[in-house]
Amino acid sequence: MQGFLTVLPMAVVMSAGPQIVTAIFLATSRNPKRNSLAFLVGVTAATTIGVSVFYFLGFELGGDDGGGKSWLDWVIIALLALLAIRIILKRKETEPPKWMARLERASPRFAAAMGFLLYSYMPTDAIAMATVAAYLVNQGEPWWHSLGFVALTVAIAGLPFTVLLLMGDRAEELLPRLRRWMTDNSWIVNLAVILFFLAMALFG
């Protein structure tokens, strides 16, 4: 259970960046509710498949060698260090990608595809899922413990949709401000979580 609780903060890394900005764009699009739900379906599929593939790959390869840090410990540490370096190097890239302009006129099918692709192929997400899976394997946690990580990832990705449901028309004022803040500051949130997890991997 300790491994399950430890990996949960990594769900923040999965969404802090273009992912949550995309979710905000969709929550203010022409079909906000349908597009947001479709986006979350894509997020759920991508995260579940990704972390499961990494988990069973790590399970097959094995982890703990019975003394000191195993090779899987060092893989986790290397992945986290790589992720921290990438976040620092990319911190000044605050302009949203050009394809985000299409989100205002997105269809549910396009929104679902974006959810799946963003959470499958973004380097930060791939590394985060690999790290979570490797940590769970190394701690001897069962696969289903990864579903807590998946659920929290989807919950965070769904925050703009939740704001839309709770605030209605007022969300149109709040969400753009939230989008600007996340665009400027998401790298700080990401880095804080990565450094915490890195400390756990090194000294925990």
N, C-alpha and C. Protein backbone atom coordinates (compact mmCIF):
# COMPACT_ATOMS: atom_id res chain seq x y z
N MET A 1 0.82 -1.22 0.00
CA MET A 1 0.00 0.00 0.00
C MET A 1 0.85 1.27 0.00
N GLN A 2 2.05 1.19 0.61
CA GLN A 2 2.93 2.36 0.63
C GLN A 2 3.28 2.81 -0.78
N GLY A 3 3.57 1.83 -1.66
CA GLY A 3 3.88 2.18 -3.04
C GLY A 3 2.72 2.85 -3.73
N PHE A 4 1.52 2.36 -3.47
CA PHE A 4 0.30 2.92 -4.04
C PHE A 4 0.16 4.39 -3.67
N LEU A 5 0.36 4.71 -2.39
CA LEU A 5 0.21 6.08 -1.93
C LEU A 5 1.33 6.97 -2.44
N THR A 6 2.51 6.41 -2.54
CA THR A 6 3.67 7.20 -2.96
C THR A 6 3.55 7.68 -4.40
N VAL A 7 3.00 6.84 -5.28
CA VAL A 7 2.97 7.20 -6.71
C VAL A 7 1.84 8.15 -7.05
N LEU A 8 0.88 8.35 -6.16
CA LEU A 8 -0.26 9.19 -6.50
C LEU A 8 0.12 10.61 -6.92
N PRO A 9 1.10 11.27 -6.25
CA PRO A 9 1.44 12.63 -6.70
C PRO A 9 1.92 12.70 -8.15
N MET A 10 2.41 11.59 -8.69
CA MET A 10 2.86 11.60 -10.08
C MET A 10 1.71 11.86 -11.05
N ALA A 11 0.48 11.69 -10.58
CA ALA A 11 -0.67 12.00 -11.43
C ALA A 11 -0.71 13.48 -11.80
N VAL A 12 -0.14 14.32 -10.92
CA VAL A 12 -0.08 15.76 -11.21
C VAL A 12 0.78 16.01 -12.44
N VAL A 13 1.90 15.29 -12.54
CA VAL A 13 2.82 15.45 -13.66
C VAL A 13 2.13 15.09 -14.97
N MET A 14 1.21 14.13 -14.93
CA MET A 14 0.52 13.69 -16.14
C MET A 14 -0.30 14.80 -16.79
N SER A 15 -0.77 15.75 -15.99
CA SER A 15 -1.68 16.76 -16.53
C SER A 15 -1.14 18.18 -16.51
N ALA A 16 -0.13 18.46 -15.70
CA ALA A 16 0.37 19.83 -15.57
C ALA A 16 1.18 20.20 -16.80
N GLY A 17 0.58 20.95 -17.70
CA GLY A 17 1.23 21.33 -18.96
C GLY A 17 0.19 21.44 -20.06
N PRO A 18 0.57 21.09 -21.30
CA PRO A 18 -0.38 21.17 -22.42
C PRO A 18 -1.63 20.33 -22.19
N GLN A 19 -1.52 19.28 -21.35
CA GLN A 19 -2.66 18.41 -21.13
C GLN A 19 -3.81 19.15 -20.44
N ILE A 20 -3.53 19.83 -19.34
CA ILE A 20 -4.59 20.53 -18.62
C ILE A 20 -5.04 21.76 -19.41
N VAL A 21 -4.12 22.37 -20.15
CA VAL A 21 -4.50 23.52 -20.99
C VAL A 21 -5.48 23.06 -22.07
N THR A 22 -5.23 21.88 -22.64
CA THR A 22 -6.15 21.32 -23.62
C THR A 22 -7.52 21.08 -23.00
N ALA A 23 -7.53 20.51 -21.78
CA ALA A 23 -8.79 20.26 -21.09
C ALA A 23 -9.57 21.55 -20.86
N ILE A 24 -8.85 22.64 -20.57
CA ILE A 24 -9.50 23.93 -20.35
C ILE A 24 -10.07 24.47 -21.65
N PHE A 25 -9.29 24.36 -22.73
CA PHE A 25 -9.78 24.78 -24.04
C PHE A 25 -11.07 24.05 -24.39
N LEU A 26 -11.10 22.75 -24.16
CA LEU A 26 -12.28 21.95 -24.51
C LEU A 26 -13.47 22.31 -23.63
N ALA A 27 -13.21 22.68 -22.39
CA ALA A 27 -14.29 23.07 -21.49
C ALA A 27 -14.90 24.42 -21.87
N THR A 28 -14.23 25.15 -22.75
CA THR A 28 -14.76 26.42 -23.25
C THR A 28 -15.00 26.37 -24.75
N SER A 29 -15.08 25.16 -25.30
CA SER A 29 -15.32 24.99 -26.74
C SER A 29 -16.81 25.06 -27.05
N ARG A 30 -17.18 24.80 -28.30
CA ARG A 30 -18.59 24.91 -28.72
C ARG A 30 -19.46 23.82 -28.12
N ASN A 31 -18.91 22.65 -27.89
CA ASN A 31 -19.64 21.56 -27.26
C ASN A 31 -18.87 21.12 -26.02
N PRO A 32 -18.83 21.98 -24.99
CA PRO A 32 -17.90 21.76 -23.87
C PRO A 32 -18.11 20.46 -23.12
N LYS A 33 -19.37 20.08 -22.84
CA LYS A 33 -19.61 18.89 -22.02
C LYS A 33 -19.28 17.61 -22.79
N ARG A 34 -19.74 17.53 -24.02
CA ARG A 34 -19.46 16.34 -24.82
C ARG A 34 -17.98 16.22 -25.11
N ASN A 35 -17.35 17.34 -25.44
CA ASN A 35 -15.91 17.31 -25.75
C ASN A 35 -15.09 16.96 -24.52
N SER A 36 -15.46 17.48 -23.36
CA SER A 36 -14.72 17.20 -22.13
C SER A 36 -14.85 15.72 -21.75
N LEU A 37 -16.05 15.18 -21.86
CA LEU A 37 -16.24 13.76 -21.55
C LEU A 37 -15.46 12.88 -22.52
N ALA A 38 -15.49 13.23 -23.81
CA ALA A 38 -14.74 12.45 -24.80
C ALA A 38 -13.24 12.52 -24.52
N PHE A 39 -12.76 13.70 -24.14
CA PHE A 39 -11.35 13.88 -23.79
C PHE A 39 -10.97 12.97 -22.62
N LEU A 40 -11.82 12.88 -21.61
CA LEU A 40 -11.53 12.05 -20.45
C LEU A 40 -11.55 10.57 -20.79
N VAL A 41 -12.38 10.18 -21.74
CA VAL A 41 -12.35 8.79 -22.21
C VAL A 41 -10.99 8.47 -22.81
N GLY A 42 -10.48 9.40 -23.63
CA GLY A 42 -9.16 9.21 -24.23
C GLY A 42 -8.06 9.17 -23.19
N VAL A 43 -8.15 10.04 -22.18
CA VAL A 43 -7.17 10.07 -21.09
C VAL A 43 -7.18 8.75 -20.32
N THR A 44 -8.37 8.27 -20.02
CA THR A 44 -8.50 7.02 -19.26
C THR A 44 -7.88 5.85 -20.02
N ALA A 45 -8.19 5.76 -21.30
CA ALA A 45 -7.66 4.66 -22.12
C ALA A 45 -6.14 4.73 -22.21
N ALA A 46 -5.61 5.92 -22.50
CA ALA A 46 -4.17 6.07 -22.67
C ALA A 46 -3.41 5.76 -21.39
N THR A 47 -3.88 6.28 -20.26
CA THR A 47 -3.17 6.09 -19.00
C THR A 47 -3.24 4.64 -18.53
N THR A 48 -4.42 4.04 -18.67
CA THR A 48 -4.57 2.64 -18.26
C THR A 48 -3.67 1.72 -19.09
N ILE A 49 -3.70 1.90 -20.40
CA ILE A 49 -2.88 1.07 -21.28
C ILE A 49 -1.39 1.31 -21.02
N GLY A 50 -1.02 2.59 -20.93
CA GLY A 50 0.40 2.92 -20.77
C GLY A 50 1.00 2.38 -19.49
N VAL A 51 0.37 2.64 -18.36
CA VAL A 51 0.94 2.19 -17.09
C VAL A 51 0.89 0.67 -16.98
N SER A 52 -0.12 0.04 -17.60
CA SER A 52 -0.22 -1.42 -17.56
C SER A 52 0.90 -2.07 -18.37
N VAL A 53 1.17 -1.52 -19.55
CA VAL A 53 2.25 -2.06 -20.39
C VAL A 53 3.58 -1.95 -19.65
N PHE A 54 3.86 -0.78 -19.07
CA PHE A 54 5.11 -0.60 -18.34
C PHE A 54 5.17 -1.50 -17.11
N TYR A 55 4.03 -1.68 -16.44
CA TYR A 55 4.00 -2.51 -15.24
C TYR A 55 4.35 -3.96 -15.57
N PHE A 56 3.66 -4.52 -16.56
CA PHE A 56 3.88 -5.94 -16.86
C PHE A 56 5.24 -6.18 -17.52
N LEU A 57 5.75 -5.17 -18.23
CA LEU A 57 7.11 -5.27 -18.75
C LEU A 57 8.11 -5.32 -17.60
N GLY A 58 7.92 -4.43 -16.63
CA GLY A 58 8.81 -4.43 -15.46
C GLY A 58 8.66 -5.69 -14.63
N PHE A 59 7.43 -6.20 -14.53
CA PHE A 59 7.18 -7.42 -13.77
C PHE A 59 7.89 -8.61 -14.41
N GLU A 60 7.88 -8.67 -15.73
CA GLU A 60 8.54 -9.77 -16.43
C GLU A 60 10.06 -9.70 -16.28
N LEU A 61 10.58 -8.46 -16.28
CA LEU A 61 12.02 -8.30 -16.19
C LEU A 61 12.54 -8.49 -14.76
N GLY A 62 11.65 -8.29 -13.78
CA GLY A 62 12.06 -8.46 -12.38
C GLY A 62 12.59 -7.18 -11.79
N GLY A 63 12.63 -7.11 -10.47
CA GLY A 63 13.06 -5.88 -9.82
C GLY A 63 14.04 -6.09 -8.70
N ASP A 64 13.55 -6.34 -7.52
CA ASP A 64 14.38 -6.36 -6.31
C ASP A 64 15.38 -7.50 -6.33
N ASP A 65 16.63 -7.22 -6.05
CA ASP A 65 17.67 -8.26 -6.03
C ASP A 65 17.95 -8.74 -4.60
N GLY A 66 17.21 -8.18 -3.61
CA GLY A 66 17.35 -8.67 -2.24
C GLY A 66 18.33 -7.90 -1.39
N GLY A 67 19.10 -6.99 -1.95
CA GLY A 67 20.05 -6.23 -1.15
C GLY A 67 20.41 -4.93 -1.81
N GLY A 68 20.33 -3.82 -1.07
CA GLY A 68 20.64 -2.53 -1.63
C GLY A 68 19.63 -2.14 -2.69
N LYS A 69 20.06 -1.24 -3.56
CA LYS A 69 19.19 -0.81 -4.64
C LYS A 69 19.30 -1.75 -5.83
N SER A 70 18.16 -2.11 -6.39
CA SER A 70 18.14 -2.98 -7.56
C SER A 70 18.35 -2.15 -8.82
N TRP A 71 18.51 -2.84 -9.94
CA TRP A 71 18.65 -2.12 -11.21
C TRP A 71 17.39 -1.33 -11.50
N LEU A 72 16.22 -1.80 -11.02
CA LEU A 72 14.98 -1.09 -11.27
C LEU A 72 14.92 0.21 -10.46
N ASP A 73 15.51 0.21 -9.27
CA ASP A 73 15.63 1.45 -8.49
C ASP A 73 16.39 2.50 -9.30
N TRP A 74 17.49 2.06 -9.91
CA TRP A 74 18.31 3.01 -10.67
C TRP A 74 17.63 3.45 -11.95
N VAL A 75 16.81 2.59 -12.52
CA VAL A 75 16.01 3.00 -13.69
C VAL A 75 15.03 4.10 -13.29
N ILE A 76 14.37 3.92 -12.14
CA ILE A 76 13.44 4.92 -11.65
C ILE A 76 14.15 6.26 -11.41
N ILE A 77 15.30 6.21 -10.76
CA ILE A 77 16.06 7.42 -10.47
C ILE A 77 16.49 8.11 -11.77
N ALA A 78 16.95 7.32 -12.74
CA ALA A 78 17.37 7.89 -14.02
C ALA A 78 16.20 8.54 -14.76
N LEU A 79 15.05 7.88 -14.74
CA LEU A 79 13.86 8.43 -15.40
C LEU A 79 13.44 9.75 -14.75
N LEU A 80 13.47 9.78 -13.43
CA LEU A 80 13.09 11.00 -12.72
C LEU A 80 14.07 12.14 -12.99
N ALA A 81 15.35 11.84 -13.01
CA ALA A 81 16.36 12.86 -13.30
C ALA A 81 16.17 13.39 -14.72
N LEU A 82 15.91 12.48 -15.66
CA LEU A 82 15.66 12.88 -17.05
C LEU A 82 14.43 13.77 -17.15
N LEU A 83 13.39 13.41 -16.42
CA LEU A 83 12.16 14.19 -16.45
C LEU A 83 12.37 15.57 -15.85
N ALA A 84 13.13 15.65 -14.74
CA ALA A 84 13.41 16.95 -14.11
C ALA A 84 14.20 17.85 -15.05
N ILE A 85 15.19 17.27 -15.72
CA ILE A 85 16.01 18.05 -16.67
C ILE A 85 15.15 18.57 -17.82
N ARG A 86 14.27 17.71 -18.34
CA ARG A 86 13.40 18.11 -19.45
C ARG A 86 12.48 19.25 -19.03
N ILE A 87 11.92 19.15 -17.83
CA ILE A 87 11.01 20.20 -17.35
C ILE A 87 11.73 21.53 -17.22
N ILE A 88 12.96 21.51 -16.69
CA ILE A 88 13.74 22.74 -16.53
C ILE A 88 14.08 23.35 -17.89
N LEU A 89 14.47 22.51 -18.84
CA LEU A 89 14.85 23.01 -20.17
C LEU A 89 13.66 23.59 -20.93
N LYS A 90 12.47 23.03 -20.68
CA LYS A 90 11.28 23.45 -21.42
C LYS A 90 10.47 24.52 -20.68
N ARG A 91 10.98 25.00 -19.55
CA ARG A 91 10.16 25.87 -18.69
C ARG A 91 9.77 27.19 -19.36
N LYS A 92 10.55 27.67 -20.31
CA LYS A 92 10.25 28.96 -20.94
C LYS A 92 9.34 28.85 -22.15
N GLU A 93 8.99 27.63 -22.51
CA GLU A 93 8.10 27.43 -23.66
C GLU A 93 6.66 27.55 -23.19
N THR A 94 6.17 28.80 -23.10
CA THR A 94 4.85 29.05 -22.55
C THR A 94 3.78 29.26 -23.61
N GLU A 95 4.17 29.41 -24.86
CA GLU A 95 3.18 29.60 -25.91
C GLU A 95 2.50 28.28 -26.23
N PRO A 96 1.16 28.25 -26.28
CA PRO A 96 0.47 27.00 -26.61
C PRO A 96 0.74 26.60 -28.06
N PRO A 97 0.82 25.30 -28.33
CA PRO A 97 1.03 24.84 -29.71
C PRO A 97 -0.06 25.35 -30.64
N LYS A 98 0.26 25.47 -31.93
CA LYS A 98 -0.70 26.01 -32.90
C LYS A 98 -1.94 25.15 -33.04
N TRP A 99 -1.80 23.83 -32.84
CA TRP A 99 -2.96 22.96 -33.01
C TRP A 99 -4.04 23.22 -31.98
N MET A 100 -3.69 23.91 -30.89
CA MET A 100 -4.69 24.20 -29.87
C MET A 100 -5.78 25.15 -30.37
N ALA A 101 -5.47 25.89 -31.43
CA ALA A 101 -6.48 26.79 -31.99
C ALA A 101 -7.67 26.01 -32.53
N ARG A 102 -7.47 24.74 -32.87
CA ARG A 102 -8.55 23.91 -33.40
C ARG A 102 -9.50 23.42 -32.31
N LEU A 103 -9.09 23.53 -31.05
CA LEU A 103 -9.88 22.96 -29.96
C LEU A 103 -11.21 23.67 -29.76
N GLU A 104 -11.27 24.96 -30.09
CA GLU A 104 -12.52 25.69 -29.92
C GLU A 104 -13.64 25.11 -30.78
N ARG A 105 -13.25 24.55 -31.95
CA ARG A 105 -14.24 23.98 -32.87
C ARG A 105 -14.14 22.45 -32.89
N ALA A 106 -13.60 21.87 -31.84
CA ALA A 106 -13.35 20.43 -31.80
C ALA A 106 -14.65 19.64 -31.77
N SER A 107 -14.59 18.43 -32.33
CA SER A 107 -15.68 17.47 -32.21
C SER A 107 -15.33 16.50 -31.08
N PRO A 108 -16.31 15.77 -30.54
CA PRO A 108 -16.00 14.78 -29.50
C PRO A 108 -14.97 13.76 -29.95
N ARG A 109 -15.03 13.37 -31.21
CA ARG A 109 -14.06 12.38 -31.72
C ARG A 109 -12.65 12.96 -31.67
N PHE A 110 -12.51 14.21 -32.09
CA PHE A 110 -11.19 14.86 -32.06
C PHE A 110 -10.72 15.02 -30.61
N ALA A 111 -11.65 15.37 -29.71
CA ALA A 111 -11.29 15.54 -28.30
C ALA A 111 -10.81 14.23 -27.69
N ALA A 112 -11.49 13.13 -28.01
CA ALA A 112 -11.07 11.82 -27.50
C ALA A 112 -9.69 11.46 -28.03
N ALA A 113 -9.46 11.73 -29.32
CA ALA A 113 -8.16 11.43 -29.93
C ALA A 113 -7.06 12.25 -29.26
N MET A 114 -7.35 13.54 -28.96
CA MET A 114 -6.35 14.38 -28.31
C MET A 114 -6.04 13.87 -26.90
N GLY A 115 -7.08 13.43 -26.17
CA GLY A 115 -6.85 12.89 -24.84
C GLY A 115 -5.94 11.67 -24.89
N PHE A 116 -6.21 10.80 -25.85
CA PHE A 116 -5.41 9.58 -25.97
C PHE A 116 -3.98 9.90 -26.39
N LEU A 117 -3.82 10.74 -27.40
CA LEU A 117 -2.49 11.03 -27.93
C LEU A 117 -1.63 11.83 -26.94
N LEU A 118 -2.24 12.83 -26.29
CA LEU A 118 -1.47 13.64 -25.34
C LEU A 118 -0.94 12.81 -24.19
N TYR A 119 -1.76 11.89 -23.70
CA TYR A 119 -1.37 11.10 -22.53
C TYR A 119 -0.62 9.82 -22.90
N SER A 120 -0.50 9.57 -24.20
CA SER A 120 0.27 8.40 -24.64
C SER A 120 1.67 8.77 -25.09
N TYR A 121 1.78 9.90 -25.81
CA TYR A 121 3.04 10.19 -26.51
C TYR A 121 3.80 11.40 -25.99
N MET A 122 3.22 12.16 -25.05
CA MET A 122 4.00 13.25 -24.47
C MET A 122 5.16 12.63 -23.69
N PRO A 123 6.41 13.06 -23.93
CA PRO A 123 7.55 12.46 -23.23
C PRO A 123 7.41 12.49 -21.71
N THR A 124 6.88 13.59 -21.16
CA THR A 124 6.73 13.67 -19.70
C THR A 124 5.77 12.60 -19.19
N ASP A 125 4.70 12.36 -19.94
CA ASP A 125 3.72 11.36 -19.50
C ASP A 125 4.26 9.95 -19.64
N ALA A 126 4.96 9.69 -20.74
CA ALA A 126 5.54 8.35 -20.93
C ALA A 126 6.53 8.03 -19.81
N ILE A 127 7.37 9.01 -19.46
CA ILE A 127 8.35 8.80 -18.39
C ILE A 127 7.64 8.65 -17.05
N ALA A 128 6.61 9.46 -16.83
CA ALA A 128 5.87 9.38 -15.57
C ALA A 128 5.21 8.01 -15.41
N MET A 129 4.58 7.51 -16.47
CA MET A 129 3.93 6.20 -16.39
C MET A 129 4.95 5.09 -16.18
N ALA A 130 6.09 5.19 -16.87
CA ALA A 130 7.14 4.19 -16.70
C ALA A 130 7.68 4.21 -15.27
N THR A 131 7.83 5.40 -14.71
CA THR A 131 8.32 5.53 -13.34
C THR A 131 7.35 4.94 -12.33
N VAL A 132 6.07 5.26 -12.49
CA VAL A 132 5.05 4.74 -11.59
C VAL A 132 5.00 3.21 -11.66
N ALA A 133 4.99 2.68 -12.87
CA ALA A 133 4.93 1.23 -13.04
C ALA A 133 6.16 0.55 -12.43
N ALA A 134 7.34 1.11 -12.70
CA ALA A 134 8.57 0.52 -12.17
C ALA A 134 8.59 0.56 -10.65
N TYR A 135 8.09 1.66 -10.09
CA TYR A 135 8.06 1.79 -8.63
C TYR A 135 7.13 0.76 -8.00
N LEU A 136 5.95 0.58 -8.60
CA LEU A 136 5.00 -0.40 -8.09
C LEU A 136 5.56 -1.83 -8.16
N VAL A 137 6.20 -2.14 -9.28
CA VAL A 137 6.81 -3.46 -9.43
C VAL A 137 7.89 -3.66 -8.38
N ASN A 138 8.72 -2.64 -8.21
CA ASN A 138 9.84 -2.74 -7.28
C ASN A 138 9.38 -2.87 -5.83
N GLN A 139 8.20 -2.32 -5.52
CA GLN A 139 7.67 -2.40 -4.17
C GLN A 139 6.80 -3.64 -3.96
N GLY A 140 6.67 -4.45 -5.01
CA GLY A 140 5.86 -5.65 -4.91
C GLY A 140 4.36 -5.38 -4.85
N GLU A 141 3.95 -4.22 -5.37
CA GLU A 141 2.53 -3.86 -5.36
C GLU A 141 1.80 -4.55 -6.52
N PRO A 142 0.54 -4.95 -6.32
CA PRO A 142 -0.22 -5.57 -7.41
C PRO A 142 -0.56 -4.55 -8.49
N TRP A 143 -0.87 -5.06 -9.68
CA TRP A 143 -1.19 -4.17 -10.82
C TRP A 143 -2.34 -3.24 -10.52
N TRP A 144 -3.36 -3.74 -9.82
CA TRP A 144 -4.55 -2.92 -9.64
C TRP A 144 -4.29 -1.67 -8.83
N HIS A 145 -3.17 -1.62 -8.11
CA HIS A 145 -2.82 -0.40 -7.40
C HIS A 145 -2.54 0.74 -8.38
N SER A 146 -2.17 0.41 -9.61
CA SER A 146 -1.94 1.45 -10.61
C SER A 146 -3.24 2.15 -10.99
N LEU A 147 -4.38 1.52 -10.73
CA LEU A 147 -5.67 2.12 -11.10
C LEU A 147 -5.97 3.36 -10.26
N GLY A 148 -5.41 3.42 -9.05
CA GLY A 148 -5.55 4.64 -8.25
C GLY A 148 -4.84 5.81 -8.93
N PHE A 149 -3.67 5.54 -9.47
CA PHE A 149 -2.93 6.55 -10.23
C PHE A 149 -3.72 6.97 -11.46
N VAL A 150 -4.32 6.00 -12.16
CA VAL A 150 -5.13 6.30 -13.35
C VAL A 150 -6.32 7.17 -12.96
N ALA A 151 -7.01 6.78 -11.89
CA ALA A 151 -8.21 7.51 -11.45
C ALA A 151 -7.87 8.96 -11.08
N LEU A 152 -6.76 9.16 -10.36
CA LEU A 152 -6.39 10.53 -9.98
C LEU A 152 -5.96 11.34 -11.20
N THR A 153 -5.27 10.70 -12.13
CA THR A 153 -4.89 11.38 -13.38
C THR A 153 -6.13 11.88 -14.11
N VAL A 154 -7.13 11.02 -14.23
CA VAL A 154 -8.38 11.40 -14.91
C VAL A 154 -9.10 12.49 -14.13
N ALA A 155 -9.09 12.40 -12.79
CA ALA A 155 -9.75 13.41 -11.97
C ALA A 155 -9.12 14.78 -12.16
N ILE A 156 -7.78 14.82 -12.23
CA ILE A 156 -7.09 16.09 -12.44
C ILE A 156 -7.37 16.62 -13.84
N ALA A 157 -7.33 15.74 -14.83
CA ALA A 157 -7.64 16.16 -16.21
C ALA A 157 -9.07 16.65 -16.31
N GLY A 158 -9.94 16.16 -15.43
CA GLY A 158 -11.35 16.55 -15.47
C GLY A 158 -11.69 17.77 -14.64
N LEU A 159 -10.71 18.40 -14.02
CA LEU A 159 -10.99 19.57 -13.19
C LEU A 159 -11.68 20.70 -13.97
N PRO A 160 -11.24 21.04 -15.19
CA PRO A 160 -11.96 22.08 -15.94
C PRO A 160 -13.42 21.70 -16.19
N PHE A 161 -13.68 20.43 -16.48
CA PHE A 161 -15.05 19.96 -16.68
C PHE A 161 -15.85 20.09 -15.40
N THR A 162 -15.23 19.77 -14.26
CA THR A 162 -15.89 19.91 -12.96
C THR A 162 -16.24 21.37 -12.68
N VAL A 163 -15.30 22.26 -12.98
CA VAL A 163 -15.56 23.70 -12.80
C VAL A 163 -16.72 24.13 -13.68
N LEU A 164 -16.75 23.64 -14.91
CA LEU A 164 -17.84 23.97 -15.84
C LEU A 164 -19.20 23.52 -15.28
N LEU A 165 -19.24 22.30 -14.74
CA LEU A 165 -20.49 21.78 -14.21
C LEU A 165 -20.95 22.56 -12.97
N LEU A 166 -20.00 22.96 -12.12
CA LEU A 166 -20.35 23.64 -10.88
C LEU A 166 -20.67 25.12 -11.07
N MET A 167 -19.98 25.76 -12.01
CA MET A 167 -20.10 27.21 -12.14
C MET A 167 -20.91 27.66 -13.35
N GLY A 168 -21.14 26.77 -14.30
CA GLY A 168 -21.93 27.14 -15.47
C GLY A 168 -21.27 28.25 -16.27
N ASP A 169 -22.05 29.30 -16.56
CA ASP A 169 -21.55 30.41 -17.40
C ASP A 169 -20.38 31.14 -16.75
N ARG A 170 -20.33 31.16 -15.43
CA ARG A 170 -19.23 31.85 -14.75
C ARG A 170 -17.88 31.20 -15.01
N ALA A 171 -17.90 29.93 -15.42
CA ALA A 171 -16.65 29.23 -15.73
C ALA A 171 -15.94 29.86 -16.92
N GLU A 172 -16.69 30.53 -17.79
CA GLU A 172 -16.08 31.16 -18.96
C GLU A 172 -15.12 32.27 -18.56
N GLU A 173 -15.29 32.83 -17.38
CA GLU A 173 -14.36 33.86 -16.88
C GLU A 173 -13.20 33.24 -16.12
N LEU A 174 -13.49 32.21 -15.33
CA LEU A 174 -12.46 31.60 -14.49
C LEU A 174 -11.49 30.75 -15.30
N LEU A 175 -11.99 29.93 -16.21
CA LEU A 175 -11.14 28.97 -16.91
C LEU A 175 -10.04 29.63 -17.74
N PRO A 176 -10.30 30.71 -18.48
CA PRO A 176 -9.18 31.36 -19.20
C PRO A 176 -8.09 31.86 -18.27
N ARG A 177 -8.47 32.37 -17.08
CA ARG A 177 -7.45 32.81 -16.12
C ARG A 177 -6.65 31.61 -15.61
N LEU A 178 -7.34 30.50 -15.36
CA LEU A 178 -6.65 29.29 -14.93
C LEU A 178 -5.72 28.78 -16.02
N ARG A 179 -6.15 28.89 -17.26
CA ARG A 179 -5.33 28.45 -18.39
C ARG A 179 -4.04 29.26 -18.47
N ARG A 180 -4.15 30.57 -18.30
CA ARG A 180 -2.95 31.42 -18.36
C ARG A 180 -2.00 31.09 -17.21
N TRP A 181 -2.55 30.85 -16.01
CA TRP A 181 -1.69 30.53 -14.86
C TRP A 181 -0.98 29.20 -15.08
N MET A 182 -1.70 28.20 -15.57
CA MET A 182 -1.10 26.89 -15.79
C MET A 182 -0.04 26.96 -16.89
N THR A 183 -0.29 27.75 -17.92
CA THR A 183 0.68 27.90 -19.00
C THR A 183 1.99 28.47 -18.48
N ASP A 184 1.91 29.41 -17.54
CA ASP A 184 3.11 30.08 -17.03
C ASP A 184 3.79 29.32 -15.89
N ASN A 185 3.03 28.55 -15.12
CA ASN A 185 3.57 28.00 -13.87
C ASN A 185 3.54 26.49 -13.73
N SER A 186 3.02 25.76 -14.72
CA SER A 186 2.89 24.31 -14.56
C SER A 186 4.24 23.63 -14.37
N TRP A 187 5.31 24.21 -14.93
CA TRP A 187 6.62 23.57 -14.80
C TRP A 187 7.08 23.56 -13.33
N ILE A 188 6.67 24.57 -12.55
CA ILE A 188 7.05 24.62 -11.14
C ILE A 188 6.35 23.49 -10.38
N VAL A 189 5.07 23.29 -10.66
CA VAL A 189 4.30 22.22 -10.03
C VAL A 189 4.92 20.87 -10.38
N ASN A 190 5.21 20.68 -11.67
CA ASN A 190 5.81 19.43 -12.12
C ASN A 190 7.13 19.15 -11.43
N LEU A 191 7.99 20.16 -11.40
CA LEU A 191 9.33 19.98 -10.84
C LEU A 191 9.26 19.65 -9.35
N ALA A 192 8.35 20.30 -8.62
CA ALA A 192 8.21 20.02 -7.20
C ALA A 192 7.83 18.56 -6.96
N VAL A 193 6.89 18.05 -7.75
CA VAL A 193 6.48 16.65 -7.59
C VAL A 193 7.62 15.71 -7.94
N ILE A 194 8.34 16.01 -9.02
CA ILE A 194 9.44 15.15 -9.46
C ILE A 194 10.53 15.10 -8.40
N LEU A 195 10.89 16.25 -7.84
CA LEU A 195 11.95 16.28 -6.84
C LEU A 195 11.53 15.53 -5.57
N PHE A 196 10.27 15.63 -5.20
CA PHE A 196 9.77 14.87 -4.05
C PHE A 196 9.90 13.37 -4.31
N PHE A 197 9.46 12.95 -5.50
CA PHE A 197 9.50 11.52 -5.83
C PHE A 197 10.94 11.04 -5.96
N LEU A 198 11.81 11.89 -6.50
CA LEU A 198 13.22 11.56 -6.62
C LEU A 198 13.86 11.35 -5.24
N ALA A 199 13.51 12.21 -4.30
CA ALA A 199 14.01 12.06 -2.94
C ALA A 199 13.53 10.75 -2.33
N MET A 200 12.28 10.39 -2.61
CA MET A 200 11.75 9.12 -2.10
C MET A 200 12.51 7.94 -2.70
N ALA A 201 12.82 8.03 -3.99
CA ALA A 201 13.52 6.95 -4.66
C ALA A 201 14.97 6.82 -4.15
N LEU A 202 15.60 7.95 -3.84
CA LEU A 202 16.99 7.93 -3.40
C LEU A 202 17.14 7.54 -1.93
N PHE A 203 16.25 8.05 -1.10
CA PHE A 203 16.46 7.91 0.34
C PHE A 203 15.35 7.14 1.05
N GLY A 204 14.23 6.86 0.32
CA GLY A 204 13.10 6.20 0.97
C GLY A 204 13.34 4.71 1.13
